[in-house]
């Protein structure tokens, strides 16, 4: 199990390292060998996510993990149990609004439409970031920890996405 956990951690971190490497040294791969090397790195990045599967399969099959989920004695807050719906609803709303802006490009073309799409997606991310910060503070007061952590994760993704837009 420890070796599978190490594999999962490495296969999670390795694409980040490869992407940073490719972003910093992309101009060095201009010859025939460089193109093949760059393509092989992209291929490796694509299949790195499969390295997490052995860990999750062994975790699913382990008896200790299954007994944790079968215990009825753990006291949980009933309001905090539907955190999956919570995270899917927030992500779904943000994606639907962004896809609505992108669907405008199917109807018309031009620079004015491109600006509308870019500013609309940026405004959606900014407004949802502010709303999620307010909701996170309310969840912290109510001590709904699972939903709080979900909001923190969404805020982290929105922050990183916002940094990439700039």
Protein backbone atom coordinates (compact mmCIF):
# COMPACT_ATOMS: atom_id res chain seq x y z
CA UNK A 1 0.00 0.00 0.00
CA UNK A 2 2.88 2.40 0.76
CA UNK A 3 4.46 1.81 -2.64
CA UNK A 4 1.13 2.41 -4.34
CA UNK A 5 0.73 5.64 -2.37
CA UNK A 6 4.21 6.74 -3.48
CA UNK A 7 3.27 5.94 -7.09
CA UNK A 8 0.06 7.96 -6.74
CA UNK A 9 1.92 10.95 -5.30
CA UNK A 10 4.60 10.81 -7.99
CA UNK A 11 2.04 10.45 -10.77
CA UNK A 12 0.23 13.50 -9.41
CA UNK A 13 3.33 15.68 -9.09
CA UNK A 14 5.14 14.57 -12.26
CA UNK A 15 2.76 16.28 -14.76
CA UNK A 16 3.21 19.56 -12.89
CA UNK A 17 6.99 19.27 -13.13
CA UNK A 18 6.84 18.32 -16.81
CA UNK A 19 4.50 21.22 -17.58
CA UNK A 20 6.80 23.71 -15.85
CA UNK A 21 9.74 22.22 -17.76
CA UNK A 22 7.90 22.49 -21.08
CA UNK A 23 6.77 26.06 -20.38
CA UNK A 24 10.29 27.22 -19.52
CA UNK A 25 12.18 25.36 -22.25
CA UNK A 26 9.65 25.21 -25.10
CA UNK A 27 11.89 27.26 -27.40
CA UNK A 28 14.68 24.69 -27.07
CA UNK A 29 12.64 21.99 -28.83
CA UNK A 30 12.70 23.41 -32.37
CA UNK A 31 14.50 20.61 -34.18
CA UNK A 32 13.33 17.11 -35.14
CA UNK A 33 14.57 15.45 -31.96
CA UNK A 34 13.07 18.24 -29.87
CA UNK A 35 9.62 17.78 -31.40
CA UNK A 36 9.72 14.05 -30.65
CA UNK A 37 10.96 14.65 -27.11
CA UNK A 38 8.26 17.24 -26.48
CA UNK A 39 5.57 14.93 -27.84
CA UNK A 40 6.80 12.08 -25.66
CA UNK A 41 6.62 14.37 -22.61
CA UNK A 42 3.03 15.29 -23.49
CA UNK A 43 2.26 11.59 -23.91
CA UNK A 44 3.78 10.87 -20.49
CA UNK A 45 1.75 13.69 -18.95
CA UNK A 46 -1.44 12.23 -20.38
CA UNK A 47 -0.88 8.82 -18.86
CA UNK A 48 0.47 9.97 -15.50
CA UNK A 49 -3.05 10.12 -14.11
CA UNK A 50 -3.30 6.35 -14.49
CA UNK A 51 -0.64 5.96 -11.79
CA UNK A 52 -3.21 6.82 -9.12
CA UNK A 53 -5.46 3.89 -10.03
CA UNK A 54 -3.54 1.11 -8.18
CA UNK A 55 -3.67 3.10 -4.94
CA UNK A 56 -7.39 3.76 -5.17
CA UNK A 57 -8.16 0.18 -6.16
CA UNK A 58 -6.18 -1.20 -3.21
CA UNK A 59 -7.82 1.37 -0.93
CA UNK A 60 -11.24 0.27 -2.15
CA UNK A 61 -10.41 -3.38 -1.49
CA UNK A 62 -8.83 -2.87 1.95
CA UNK A 63 -10.84 -4.11 4.91
CA UNK A 64 -9.84 -1.23 7.19
CA UNK A 65 -11.13 1.34 4.73
CA UNK A 66 -14.42 -0.49 4.29
CA UNK A 67 -14.96 -0.77 8.05
CA UNK A 68 -14.56 2.98 8.35
CA UNK A 69 -17.46 3.50 5.99
CA UNK A 70 -19.62 0.79 7.52
CA UNK A 71 -19.49 2.19 11.03
CA UNK A 72 -22.77 3.76 12.05
CA UNK A 73 -21.35 5.09 15.33
CA UNK A 74 -19.65 8.10 13.80
CA UNK A 75 -21.68 11.18 14.62
CA UNK A 76 -21.97 13.49 11.65
CA UNK A 77 -23.93 16.58 11.10
CA UNK A 78 -26.94 15.72 8.91
CA UNK A 79 -26.74 19.09 7.17
CA UNK A 80 -23.14 18.40 6.19
CA UNK A 81 -23.70 15.01 4.54
CA UNK A 82 -24.72 16.29 1.12
CA UNK A 83 -21.39 17.94 0.31
CA UNK A 84 -21.19 16.18 -3.06
CA UNK A 85 -24.36 17.95 -4.21
CA UNK A 86 -22.92 21.16 -2.78
CA UNK A 87 -19.70 21.01 -4.81
CA UNK A 88 -21.39 19.77 -7.99
CA UNK A 89 -23.98 22.55 -7.84
CA UNK A 90 -21.36 25.29 -7.45
CA UNK A 91 -19.09 23.94 -10.17
CA UNK A 92 -22.08 23.30 -12.43
CA UNK A 93 -23.35 26.87 -12.14
CA UNK A 94 -19.92 28.33 -12.91
CA UNK A 95 -19.42 25.99 -15.89
CA UNK A 96 -22.89 26.62 -17.32
CA UNK A 97 -22.35 30.39 -17.25
CA UNK A 98 -18.91 30.05 -18.84
CA UNK A 99 -20.28 27.68 -21.50
CA UNK A 100 -23.08 30.15 -22.20
CA UNK A 101 -20.48 32.79 -22.97
CA UNK A 102 -18.55 30.35 -25.14
CA UNK A 103 -21.70 29.40 -27.04
CA UNK A 104 -21.96 33.01 -28.21
CA UNK A 105 -18.93 32.30 -30.41
CA UNK A 106 -21.00 29.75 -32.35
CA UNK A 107 -23.49 32.43 -33.34
CA UNK A 108 -21.19 35.29 -34.29
CA UNK A 109 -17.54 35.97 -34.89
CA UNK A 110 -15.30 38.95 -34.55
CA UNK A 111 -13.24 40.81 -32.04
CA UNK A 112 -16.24 42.28 -30.23
CA UNK A 113 -17.50 38.76 -29.54
CA UNK A 114 -14.07 37.66 -28.36
CA UNK A 115 -13.94 40.55 -25.91
CA UNK A 116 -17.45 39.75 -24.70
CA UNK A 117 -16.48 36.13 -24.07
CA UNK A 118 -13.23 37.02 -22.31
CA UNK A 119 -14.76 39.70 -20.11
CA UNK A 120 -17.83 37.58 -19.39
CA UNK A 121 -15.80 34.58 -18.25
CA UNK A 122 -13.50 36.82 -16.19
CA UNK A 123 -16.50 38.50 -14.57
CA UNK A 124 -18.10 35.12 -13.86
CA UNK A 125 -14.94 33.88 -12.17
CA UNK A 126 -14.54 37.11 -10.20
CA UNK A 127 -18.14 37.25 -8.99
CA UNK A 128 -18.23 33.56 -8.14
CA UNK A 129 -14.94 33.98 -6.23
CA UNK A 130 -16.45 36.75 -4.09
CA UNK A 131 -19.71 34.85 -3.52
CA UNK A 132 -17.83 31.69 -2.56
CA UNK A 133 -15.68 33.61 -0.07
CA UNK A 134 -18.83 34.92 1.62
CA UNK A 135 -20.40 31.46 1.60
CA UNK A 136 -17.20 29.95 3.00
CA UNK A 137 -17.32 32.34 5.96
CA UNK A 138 -20.95 31.39 6.61
CA UNK A 139 -20.11 27.68 6.44
CA UNK A 140 -17.24 28.25 8.86
CA UNK A 141 -19.64 29.87 11.33
CA UNK A 142 -22.11 27.01 11.01
CA UNK A 143 -19.23 24.48 11.34
CA UNK A 144 -20.21 22.56 8.22
CA UNK A 145 -16.69 21.33 7.63
CA UNK A 146 -17.13 19.19 4.50
CA UNK A 147 -18.87 21.98 2.61
CA UNK A 148 -16.29 24.44 3.94
CA UNK A 149 -13.45 22.34 2.54
CA UNK A 150 -15.30 21.98 -0.78
CA UNK A 151 -15.59 25.75 -1.04
CA UNK A 152 -11.91 26.16 -0.19
CA UNK A 153 -11.03 23.70 -2.98
CA UNK A 154 -13.25 25.54 -5.50
CA UNK A 155 -11.75 28.87 -4.40
CA UNK A 156 -8.27 27.45 -4.94
CA UNK A 157 -9.13 26.31 -8.46
CA UNK A 158 -10.76 29.64 -9.28
CA UNK A 159 -7.75 31.52 -7.94
CA UNK A 160 -5.33 29.46 -10.02
CA UNK A 161 -7.55 29.78 -13.09
CA UNK A 162 -7.75 33.55 -12.52
CA UNK A 163 -3.96 33.74 -12.30
CA UNK A 164 -3.68 31.91 -15.61
CA UNK A 165 -6.05 34.37 -17.27
CA UNK A 166 -3.85 37.31 -16.28
